[in-house]
Amino acid sequence: NKHWGVAKNDINYVSPKQLIDQICNSRKVGANLLINTGLEFDGAIPAFSQSLLKIVGQWMSVYGEAIYATNHYENQTYLASGETTDFIKGNYLFVYGLGNIGNSNVVLGGEKARKIVFNQYPQRVTSITWLDNQALFEFEQVLDGTLTIYANAFQYGTHLIDRVATITVED
């Protein structure tokens, strides 16, 4: 929320999306993120903070390898072209704001794959695989290094906020 420690009348906590976005943004710039929780008078972690940490732990159990395997000094960051927050760091693709795939009677819009372009990506890509379900997805790469990725949305019943994939490249 907006205080150091616990404030009885401050319920303006960050959302799971805000916190997961901050984790990914920190990784994009090569920084670490300290998640601070204020303790109750008896040393207990407040219930909302416990819930938020549990959700972040659930996300990290799926995507944590990408966070721990990409450090600033060894891994360059490649930003997608256009007005997007998507990026590649090391051998990982971070994609923000995907919706859900599904029947349009159940899912608003029934999302399709989103086109993401990286200009001058220097490595030759052989495959891209989502970490959450190990599904491969489509991409194109031309000789000038332009990498076009078609990132499909989450299957109905799953939405992990920000999605991460492993990029396999030629040696």
N, C-alpha and C. Protein backbone atom coordinates (compact mmCIF):
# COMPACT_ATOMS: atom_id res chain seq x y z
N ASN A 1 0.85 -1.18 0.00
CA ASN A 1 0.00 0.00 0.00
C ASN A 1 0.89 1.24 0.00
N LYS A 2 0.45 2.32 0.56
CA LYS A 2 1.19 3.58 0.47
C LYS A 2 1.93 3.96 1.74
N HIS A 3 2.20 3.00 2.62
CA HIS A 3 2.91 3.26 3.87
C HIS A 3 4.06 2.27 4.06
N TRP A 4 5.04 2.67 4.84
CA TRP A 4 6.03 1.73 5.36
C TRP A 4 5.40 1.14 6.59
N GLY A 5 5.34 -0.16 6.67
CA GLY A 5 4.69 -0.80 7.81
C GLY A 5 3.21 -0.95 7.56
N VAL A 6 2.46 -1.17 8.62
CA VAL A 6 1.02 -1.37 8.52
C VAL A 6 0.31 -0.09 8.90
N ALA A 7 -0.67 0.28 8.10
CA ALA A 7 -1.52 1.43 8.41
C ALA A 7 -2.96 0.94 8.37
N LYS A 8 -3.61 1.00 9.48
CA LYS A 8 -4.94 0.43 9.65
C LYS A 8 -5.93 0.87 8.57
N ASN A 9 -5.87 2.12 8.18
CA ASN A 9 -6.85 2.66 7.23
C ASN A 9 -6.30 2.83 5.82
N ASP A 10 -5.18 2.20 5.50
CA ASP A 10 -4.64 2.27 4.15
C ASP A 10 -4.87 0.91 3.48
N ILE A 11 -5.88 0.86 2.62
CA ILE A 11 -6.19 -0.39 1.91
C ILE A 11 -5.85 -0.27 0.42
N ASN A 12 -5.00 0.69 0.08
CA ASN A 12 -4.62 0.91 -1.31
C ASN A 12 -3.42 0.04 -1.67
N TYR A 13 -3.61 -1.27 -1.62
CA TYR A 13 -2.57 -2.23 -1.93
C TYR A 13 -2.35 -2.32 -3.45
N VAL A 14 -1.18 -2.75 -3.85
CA VAL A 14 -0.95 -3.03 -5.27
C VAL A 14 -1.68 -4.32 -5.63
N SER A 15 -2.00 -4.45 -6.91
CA SER A 15 -2.67 -5.66 -7.38
C SER A 15 -1.62 -6.70 -7.78
N PRO A 16 -2.02 -7.97 -7.92
CA PRO A 16 -1.07 -8.97 -8.42
C PRO A 16 -0.49 -8.57 -9.78
N LYS A 17 -1.32 -8.00 -10.65
CA LYS A 17 -0.84 -7.58 -11.97
C LYS A 17 0.24 -6.50 -11.82
N GLN A 18 0.02 -5.50 -10.97
CA GLN A 18 1.02 -4.45 -10.79
C GLN A 18 2.34 -5.04 -10.30
N LEU A 19 2.28 -5.95 -9.37
CA LEU A 19 3.49 -6.52 -8.79
C LEU A 19 4.23 -7.41 -9.80
N ILE A 20 3.50 -8.24 -10.53
CA ILE A 20 4.13 -9.11 -11.53
C ILE A 20 4.71 -8.26 -12.67
N ASP A 21 3.99 -7.22 -13.08
CA ASP A 21 4.55 -6.29 -14.08
C ASP A 21 5.85 -5.67 -13.57
N GLN A 22 5.89 -5.30 -12.29
CA GLN A 22 7.11 -4.70 -11.71
C GLN A 22 8.26 -5.71 -11.72
N ILE A 23 7.97 -6.96 -11.43
CA ILE A 23 9.01 -8.00 -11.46
C ILE A 23 9.59 -8.10 -12.87
N CYS A 24 8.72 -8.16 -13.87
CA CYS A 24 9.18 -8.27 -15.26
C CYS A 24 9.92 -7.01 -15.70
N ASN A 25 9.39 -5.84 -15.35
CA ASN A 25 10.06 -4.59 -15.72
C ASN A 25 11.42 -4.48 -15.05
N SER A 26 11.54 -4.95 -13.84
CA SER A 26 12.84 -4.95 -13.16
C SER A 26 13.82 -5.83 -13.91
N ARG A 27 13.36 -6.98 -14.36
CA ARG A 27 14.24 -7.87 -15.10
C ARG A 27 14.64 -7.24 -16.43
N LYS A 28 13.71 -6.54 -17.06
CA LYS A 28 13.99 -5.90 -18.35
C LYS A 28 15.18 -4.94 -18.24
N VAL A 29 15.27 -4.20 -17.16
CA VAL A 29 16.35 -3.22 -17.00
C VAL A 29 17.51 -3.78 -16.19
N GLY A 30 17.46 -5.06 -15.83
CA GLY A 30 18.57 -5.69 -15.13
C GLY A 30 18.60 -5.39 -13.65
N ALA A 31 17.47 -5.03 -13.08
CA ALA A 31 17.41 -4.69 -11.66
C ALA A 31 16.79 -5.84 -10.87
N ASN A 32 16.98 -5.77 -9.57
CA ASN A 32 16.28 -6.68 -8.66
C ASN A 32 15.14 -5.91 -8.03
N LEU A 33 14.16 -6.61 -7.52
CA LEU A 33 13.00 -5.98 -6.90
C LEU A 33 12.85 -6.50 -5.48
N LEU A 34 12.79 -5.60 -4.54
CA LEU A 34 12.54 -5.96 -3.15
C LEU A 34 11.05 -5.79 -2.89
N ILE A 35 10.41 -6.87 -2.48
CA ILE A 35 8.99 -6.81 -2.14
C ILE A 35 8.91 -6.70 -0.62
N ASN A 36 8.43 -5.57 -0.17
CA ASN A 36 8.38 -5.29 1.26
C ASN A 36 6.95 -5.42 1.77
N THR A 37 6.78 -6.09 2.89
CA THR A 37 5.47 -6.15 3.53
C THR A 37 5.61 -5.61 4.94
N GLY A 38 4.66 -4.79 5.33
CA GLY A 38 4.64 -4.30 6.71
C GLY A 38 4.04 -5.37 7.61
N LEU A 39 4.59 -5.51 8.78
CA LEU A 39 4.12 -6.54 9.71
C LEU A 39 3.09 -5.97 10.68
N GLU A 40 2.21 -6.82 11.13
CA GLU A 40 1.25 -6.46 12.18
C GLU A 40 2.02 -6.25 13.49
N PHE A 41 1.35 -5.75 14.50
CA PHE A 41 1.98 -5.48 15.79
C PHE A 41 2.60 -6.73 16.41
N ASP A 42 2.06 -7.91 16.07
CA ASP A 42 2.56 -9.17 16.64
C ASP A 42 3.57 -9.87 15.73
N GLY A 43 3.97 -9.20 14.64
CA GLY A 43 4.94 -9.77 13.71
C GLY A 43 4.33 -10.57 12.58
N ALA A 44 3.01 -10.70 12.56
CA ALA A 44 2.34 -11.45 11.50
C ALA A 44 2.28 -10.63 10.21
N ILE A 45 2.33 -11.34 9.09
CA ILE A 45 2.14 -10.69 7.79
C ILE A 45 0.64 -10.54 7.57
N PRO A 46 0.17 -9.33 7.24
CA PRO A 46 -1.26 -9.12 7.03
C PRO A 46 -1.83 -10.07 5.97
N ALA A 47 -3.10 -10.42 6.10
CA ALA A 47 -3.74 -11.40 5.22
C ALA A 47 -3.65 -11.01 3.75
N PHE A 48 -3.87 -9.73 3.43
CA PHE A 48 -3.81 -9.33 2.03
C PHE A 48 -2.41 -9.52 1.48
N SER A 49 -1.40 -9.15 2.24
CA SER A 49 -0.02 -9.33 1.80
C SER A 49 0.31 -10.80 1.63
N GLN A 50 -0.17 -11.65 2.53
CA GLN A 50 0.04 -13.09 2.39
C GLN A 50 -0.56 -13.59 1.07
N SER A 51 -1.78 -13.14 0.77
CA SER A 51 -2.43 -13.57 -0.47
C SER A 51 -1.65 -13.10 -1.69
N LEU A 52 -1.19 -11.86 -1.66
CA LEU A 52 -0.43 -11.31 -2.78
C LEU A 52 0.88 -12.08 -2.97
N LEU A 53 1.58 -12.37 -1.89
CA LEU A 53 2.83 -13.14 -1.98
C LEU A 53 2.58 -14.55 -2.50
N LYS A 54 1.45 -15.14 -2.13
CA LYS A 54 1.11 -16.48 -2.61
C LYS A 54 0.87 -16.45 -4.13
N ILE A 55 0.19 -15.42 -4.61
CA ILE A 55 -0.06 -15.29 -6.05
C ILE A 55 1.26 -15.09 -6.80
N VAL A 56 2.14 -14.23 -6.28
CA VAL A 56 3.45 -14.03 -6.91
C VAL A 56 4.24 -15.33 -6.89
N GLY A 57 4.16 -16.08 -5.81
CA GLY A 57 4.82 -17.39 -5.74
C GLY A 57 4.29 -18.35 -6.78
N GLN A 58 2.97 -18.32 -7.03
CA GLN A 58 2.37 -19.17 -8.05
C GLN A 58 2.92 -18.79 -9.43
N TRP A 59 3.02 -17.48 -9.71
CA TRP A 59 3.57 -17.02 -10.99
C TRP A 59 5.04 -17.44 -11.11
N MET A 60 5.81 -17.25 -10.03
CA MET A 60 7.23 -17.61 -10.04
C MET A 60 7.44 -19.11 -10.21
N SER A 61 6.51 -19.93 -9.72
CA SER A 61 6.67 -21.38 -9.89
C SER A 61 6.58 -21.77 -11.36
N VAL A 62 5.92 -20.96 -12.17
CA VAL A 62 5.81 -21.22 -13.61
C VAL A 62 6.94 -20.53 -14.37
N TYR A 63 7.23 -19.27 -14.03
CA TYR A 63 8.14 -18.44 -14.83
C TYR A 63 9.45 -18.07 -14.13
N GLY A 64 9.65 -18.55 -12.93
CA GLY A 64 10.83 -18.16 -12.15
C GLY A 64 12.15 -18.40 -12.85
N GLU A 65 12.25 -19.46 -13.65
CA GLU A 65 13.52 -19.74 -14.32
C GLU A 65 13.93 -18.56 -15.20
N ALA A 66 12.97 -17.89 -15.82
CA ALA A 66 13.29 -16.74 -16.69
C ALA A 66 13.78 -15.56 -15.87
N ILE A 67 13.26 -15.39 -14.68
CA ILE A 67 13.69 -14.29 -13.81
C ILE A 67 15.10 -14.56 -13.30
N TYR A 68 15.35 -15.77 -12.84
CA TYR A 68 16.65 -16.09 -12.25
C TYR A 68 17.76 -16.27 -13.29
N ALA A 69 17.39 -16.64 -14.53
CA ALA A 69 18.41 -16.95 -15.54
C ALA A 69 18.85 -15.73 -16.35
N THR A 70 18.23 -14.60 -16.14
CA THR A 70 18.56 -13.42 -16.95
C THR A 70 19.07 -12.31 -16.04
N ASN A 71 20.39 -12.10 -16.09
CA ASN A 71 20.92 -10.98 -15.33
C ASN A 71 21.45 -9.92 -16.28
N HIS A 72 21.53 -8.71 -15.81
CA HIS A 72 21.80 -7.55 -16.66
C HIS A 72 23.14 -7.62 -17.38
N TYR A 73 24.17 -7.96 -16.69
CA TYR A 73 25.49 -7.86 -17.30
C TYR A 73 25.78 -8.96 -18.31
N GLU A 74 25.05 -10.05 -18.32
CA GLU A 74 25.30 -11.11 -19.29
C GLU A 74 24.26 -11.16 -20.41
N ASN A 75 23.11 -10.58 -20.21
CA ASN A 75 22.02 -10.72 -21.16
C ASN A 75 21.53 -9.37 -21.65
N GLN A 76 21.66 -9.14 -22.95
CA GLN A 76 21.15 -7.91 -23.54
C GLN A 76 19.63 -7.96 -23.61
N THR A 77 19.00 -6.80 -23.55
CA THR A 77 17.56 -6.69 -23.68
C THR A 77 17.22 -6.18 -25.07
N TYR A 78 16.27 -6.85 -25.73
CA TYR A 78 15.78 -6.43 -27.04
C TYR A 78 14.32 -6.05 -26.88
N LEU A 79 14.00 -4.80 -27.20
CA LEU A 79 12.63 -4.31 -27.07
C LEU A 79 11.88 -4.51 -28.37
N ALA A 80 10.61 -4.88 -28.26
CA ALA A 80 9.77 -5.02 -29.44
C ALA A 80 9.56 -3.65 -30.06
N SER A 81 9.38 -3.61 -31.37
CA SER A 81 9.15 -2.34 -32.03
C SER A 81 7.72 -1.88 -31.77
N GLY A 82 7.50 -0.58 -31.90
CA GLY A 82 6.18 -0.02 -31.66
C GLY A 82 5.98 0.29 -30.18
N GLU A 83 4.77 0.62 -29.85
CA GLU A 83 4.46 0.98 -28.47
C GLU A 83 4.02 -0.27 -27.70
N THR A 84 5.00 -1.00 -27.22
CA THR A 84 4.73 -2.24 -26.50
C THR A 84 5.74 -2.38 -25.38
N THR A 85 5.41 -3.16 -24.39
CA THR A 85 6.34 -3.42 -23.30
C THR A 85 7.01 -4.78 -23.44
N ASP A 86 6.69 -5.51 -24.51
CA ASP A 86 7.25 -6.85 -24.72
C ASP A 86 8.75 -6.75 -24.96
N PHE A 87 9.48 -7.76 -24.50
CA PHE A 87 10.93 -7.74 -24.67
C PHE A 87 11.50 -9.15 -24.65
N ILE A 88 12.74 -9.25 -25.15
CA ILE A 88 13.52 -10.48 -25.06
C ILE A 88 14.72 -10.17 -24.17
N LYS A 89 14.98 -11.04 -23.21
CA LYS A 89 16.14 -10.92 -22.34
C LYS A 89 16.77 -12.30 -22.27
N GLY A 90 18.03 -12.39 -22.70
CA GLY A 90 18.66 -13.71 -22.75
C GLY A 90 17.91 -14.59 -23.73
N ASN A 91 17.53 -15.77 -23.29
CA ASN A 91 16.76 -16.69 -24.13
C ASN A 91 15.29 -16.73 -23.74
N TYR A 92 14.78 -15.60 -23.25
CA TYR A 92 13.39 -15.57 -22.79
C TYR A 92 12.64 -14.39 -23.41
N LEU A 93 11.43 -14.67 -23.84
CA LEU A 93 10.52 -13.67 -24.38
C LEU A 93 9.48 -13.36 -23.31
N PHE A 94 9.34 -12.08 -22.96
CA PHE A 94 8.34 -11.63 -21.99
C PHE A 94 7.24 -10.90 -22.75
N VAL A 95 6.00 -11.34 -22.59
CA VAL A 95 4.87 -10.76 -23.32
C VAL A 95 3.82 -10.28 -22.32
N TYR A 96 3.43 -9.03 -22.47
CA TYR A 96 2.45 -8.41 -21.58
C TYR A 96 1.08 -8.32 -22.29
N GLY A 97 0.03 -8.34 -21.49
CA GLY A 97 -1.29 -7.97 -21.97
C GLY A 97 -2.00 -8.92 -22.92
N LEU A 98 -1.66 -10.19 -22.88
CA LEU A 98 -2.40 -11.14 -23.71
C LEU A 98 -3.74 -11.44 -23.06
N GLY A 99 -4.72 -11.71 -23.87
CA GLY A 99 -6.03 -12.07 -23.35
C GLY A 99 -6.20 -13.57 -23.28
N ASN A 100 -7.44 -14.02 -23.50
CA ASN A 100 -7.76 -15.44 -23.49
C ASN A 100 -8.31 -15.86 -24.84
N ILE A 101 -7.95 -17.08 -25.25
CA ILE A 101 -8.50 -17.70 -26.44
C ILE A 101 -9.76 -18.42 -26.00
N GLY A 102 -10.80 -18.34 -26.78
CA GLY A 102 -12.00 -19.09 -26.44
C GLY A 102 -13.17 -18.71 -27.32
N ASN A 103 -14.24 -19.41 -27.15
CA ASN A 103 -15.46 -19.14 -27.86
C ASN A 103 -15.92 -17.73 -27.55
N SER A 104 -16.34 -16.97 -28.57
CA SER A 104 -16.73 -15.57 -28.36
C SER A 104 -17.96 -15.44 -27.47
N ASN A 105 -18.72 -16.53 -27.23
CA ASN A 105 -19.84 -16.49 -26.29
C ASN A 105 -19.36 -16.49 -24.85
N VAL A 106 -18.10 -16.90 -24.64
CA VAL A 106 -17.56 -17.02 -23.29
C VAL A 106 -16.46 -16.00 -23.04
N VAL A 107 -15.63 -15.76 -24.05
CA VAL A 107 -14.48 -14.88 -23.91
C VAL A 107 -14.69 -13.65 -24.77
N LEU A 108 -14.63 -12.47 -24.17
CA LEU A 108 -14.78 -11.25 -24.94
C LEU A 108 -13.72 -11.17 -26.02
N GLY A 109 -14.12 -11.07 -27.25
CA GLY A 109 -13.19 -10.93 -28.35
C GLY A 109 -12.64 -12.23 -28.88
N GLY A 110 -12.60 -13.27 -28.08
CA GLY A 110 -12.03 -14.53 -28.53
C GLY A 110 -10.66 -14.33 -29.15
N GLU A 111 -9.72 -13.82 -28.38
CA GLU A 111 -8.40 -13.35 -28.84
C GLU A 111 -7.69 -14.30 -29.78
N LYS A 112 -7.01 -13.73 -30.72
CA LYS A 112 -6.16 -14.46 -31.66
C LYS A 112 -4.71 -14.19 -31.29
N ALA A 113 -3.79 -14.73 -32.07
CA ALA A 113 -2.37 -14.49 -31.84
C ALA A 113 -2.05 -13.02 -32.09
N ARG A 114 -1.16 -12.47 -31.27
CA ARG A 114 -0.73 -11.08 -31.42
C ARG A 114 0.63 -11.05 -32.09
N LYS A 115 0.77 -10.20 -33.08
CA LYS A 115 2.02 -10.05 -33.82
C LYS A 115 2.95 -9.11 -33.06
N ILE A 116 4.17 -9.59 -32.79
CA ILE A 116 5.18 -8.80 -32.09
C ILE A 116 6.44 -8.83 -32.95
N VAL A 117 7.02 -7.67 -33.22
CA VAL A 117 8.18 -7.59 -34.10
C VAL A 117 9.39 -7.08 -33.33
N PHE A 118 10.51 -7.78 -33.50
CA PHE A 118 11.80 -7.36 -32.97
C PHE A 118 12.71 -7.08 -34.16
N ASN A 119 13.19 -5.86 -34.28
CA ASN A 119 14.09 -5.50 -35.37
C ASN A 119 15.53 -5.84 -35.00
N GLN A 120 16.26 -6.38 -35.94
CA GLN A 120 17.68 -6.67 -35.79
C GLN A 120 17.99 -7.58 -34.59
N TYR A 121 17.23 -8.64 -34.45
CA TYR A 121 17.54 -9.64 -33.42
C TYR A 121 18.69 -10.48 -33.97
N PRO A 122 19.84 -10.52 -33.30
CA PRO A 122 21.07 -11.06 -33.91
C PRO A 122 21.18 -12.57 -33.99
N GLN A 123 20.40 -13.31 -33.22
CA GLN A 123 20.55 -14.77 -33.22
C GLN A 123 19.50 -15.43 -34.09
N ARG A 124 19.86 -16.56 -34.66
CA ARG A 124 18.93 -17.31 -35.51
C ARG A 124 18.07 -18.20 -34.61
N VAL A 125 16.77 -17.96 -34.61
CA VAL A 125 15.82 -18.67 -33.75
C VAL A 125 15.39 -19.97 -34.41
N THR A 126 15.38 -21.05 -33.63
CA THR A 126 14.90 -22.34 -34.15
C THR A 126 13.52 -22.70 -33.60
N SER A 127 13.20 -22.25 -32.38
CA SER A 127 11.86 -22.51 -31.82
C SER A 127 11.59 -21.55 -30.66
N ILE A 128 10.31 -21.37 -30.38
CA ILE A 128 9.87 -20.57 -29.23
C ILE A 128 8.77 -21.37 -28.54
N THR A 129 8.92 -21.56 -27.22
CA THR A 129 8.03 -22.42 -26.45
C THR A 129 7.55 -21.70 -25.19
N TRP A 130 6.24 -21.66 -24.97
CA TRP A 130 5.71 -21.09 -23.74
C TRP A 130 6.17 -21.91 -22.54
N LEU A 131 6.55 -21.25 -21.47
CA LEU A 131 6.94 -21.96 -20.25
C LEU A 131 5.74 -22.56 -19.52
N ASP A 132 4.56 -21.94 -19.65
CA ASP A 132 3.41 -22.41 -18.87
C ASP A 132 2.80 -23.70 -19.38
N ASN A 133 2.85 -23.95 -20.69
CA ASN A 133 2.24 -25.18 -21.21
C ASN A 133 3.12 -25.92 -22.22
N GLN A 134 4.35 -25.47 -22.41
CA GLN A 134 5.33 -26.08 -23.31
C GLN A 134 4.86 -26.12 -24.77
N ALA A 135 3.90 -25.28 -25.13
CA ALA A 135 3.42 -25.23 -26.52
C ALA A 135 4.35 -24.38 -27.37
N LEU A 136 4.65 -24.87 -28.56
CA LEU A 136 5.42 -24.10 -29.53
C LEU A 136 4.48 -23.09 -30.18
N PHE A 137 5.04 -21.98 -30.66
CA PHE A 137 4.20 -21.08 -31.44
C PHE A 137 4.95 -20.49 -32.61
N GLU A 138 4.19 -19.89 -33.50
CA GLU A 138 4.73 -19.44 -34.79
C GLU A 138 5.61 -18.21 -34.68
N PHE A 139 6.60 -18.17 -35.59
CA PHE A 139 7.46 -17.00 -35.73
C PHE A 139 8.05 -17.03 -37.12
N GLU A 140 8.53 -15.88 -37.56
CA GLU A 140 9.24 -15.76 -38.83
C GLU A 140 10.49 -14.93 -38.56
N GLN A 141 11.57 -15.26 -39.24
CA GLN A 141 12.78 -14.46 -39.11
C GLN A 141 13.41 -14.31 -40.48
N VAL A 142 13.73 -13.08 -40.85
CA VAL A 142 14.35 -12.82 -42.15
C VAL A 142 15.82 -12.52 -41.95
N LEU A 143 16.57 -12.52 -43.06
CA LEU A 143 18.03 -12.39 -43.00
C LEU A 143 18.52 -11.13 -42.32
N ASP A 144 17.75 -10.03 -42.38
CA ASP A 144 18.21 -8.79 -41.74
C ASP A 144 18.06 -8.84 -40.22
N GLY A 145 17.55 -9.96 -39.69
CA GLY A 145 17.42 -10.13 -38.25
C GLY A 145 16.05 -9.79 -37.71
N THR A 146 15.12 -9.36 -38.56
CA THR A 146 13.78 -9.05 -38.08
C THR A 146 13.09 -10.34 -37.65
N LEU A 147 12.67 -10.36 -36.41
CA LEU A 147 11.99 -11.52 -35.83
C LEU A 147 10.54 -11.14 -35.57
N THR A 148 9.63 -11.85 -36.21
CA THR A 148 8.20 -11.61 -36.02
C THR A 148 7.61 -12.80 -35.30
N ILE A 149 6.99 -12.52 -34.18
CA ILE A 149 6.44 -13.57 -33.32
C ILE A 149 4.93 -13.44 -33.30
N TYR A 150 4.25 -14.57 -33.33
CA TYR A 150 2.79 -14.59 -33.24
C TYR A 150 2.42 -15.22 -31.89
N ALA A 151 2.33 -14.38 -30.89
CA ALA A 151 2.11 -14.84 -29.51
C ALA A 151 0.62 -15.08 -29.28
N ASN A 152 0.27 -16.34 -29.07
CA ASN A 152 -1.12 -16.66 -28.83
C ASN A 152 -1.48 -16.41 -27.37
N ALA A 153 -2.74 -16.14 -27.16
CA ALA A 153 -3.25 -15.81 -25.83
C ALA A 153 -3.35 -17.05 -24.95
N PHE A 154 -3.69 -16.83 -23.69
CA PHE A 154 -3.90 -17.93 -22.75
C PHE A 154 -5.15 -18.71 -23.12
N GLN A 155 -5.13 -20.02 -22.88
CA GLN A 155 -6.33 -20.83 -23.04
C GLN A 155 -7.35 -20.40 -21.99
N TYR A 156 -8.62 -20.49 -22.34
CA TYR A 156 -9.69 -20.14 -21.41
C TYR A 156 -9.51 -20.93 -20.10
N GLY A 157 -9.63 -20.26 -18.98
CA GLY A 157 -9.45 -20.89 -17.67
C GLY A 157 -8.06 -20.66 -17.11
N THR A 158 -7.17 -20.06 -17.89
CA THR A 158 -5.81 -19.73 -17.45
C THR A 158 -5.52 -18.29 -17.80
N HIS A 159 -4.96 -17.54 -16.88
CA HIS A 159 -4.44 -16.20 -17.19
C HIS A 159 -3.40 -15.87 -16.12
N LEU A 160 -2.13 -15.93 -16.52
CA LEU A 160 -1.03 -15.73 -15.58
C LEU A 160 -0.43 -14.32 -15.68
N ILE A 161 -1.20 -13.37 -16.17
CA ILE A 161 -0.87 -11.95 -16.26
C ILE A 161 0.16 -11.68 -17.34
N ASP A 162 1.44 -11.89 -17.08
CA ASP A 162 2.49 -11.73 -18.09
C ASP A 162 2.96 -13.12 -18.46
N ARG A 163 3.19 -13.33 -19.76
CA ARG A 163 3.54 -14.67 -20.25
C ARG A 163 4.98 -14.69 -20.71
N VAL A 164 5.65 -15.80 -20.46
CA VAL A 164 7.07 -15.92 -20.78
C VAL A 164 7.31 -17.20 -21.59
N ALA A 165 8.19 -17.08 -22.58
CA ALA A 165 8.54 -18.21 -23.44
C ALA A 165 10.04 -18.37 -23.49
N THR A 166 10.48 -19.58 -23.78
CA THR A 166 11.90 -19.87 -24.01
C THR A 166 12.17 -19.79 -25.50
N ILE A 167 13.25 -19.10 -25.84
CA ILE A 167 13.67 -19.00 -27.23
C ILE A 167 14.89 -19.90 -27.41
N THR A 168 14.80 -20.82 -28.36
CA THR A 168 15.92 -21.68 -28.69
C THR A 168 16.58 -21.12 -29.95
N VAL A 169 17.90 -20.97 -29.88
CA VAL A 169 18.63 -20.39 -31.01
C VAL A 169 19.69 -21.38 -31.51
N GLU A 170 20.15 -21.16 -32.75
CA GLU A 170 21.23 -21.97 -33.30
C GLU A 170 22.53 -21.64 -32.58
N ASP A 171 23.38 -22.64 -32.43
CA ASP A 171 24.68 -22.40 -31.81
C ASP A 171 25.65 -21.79 -32.79
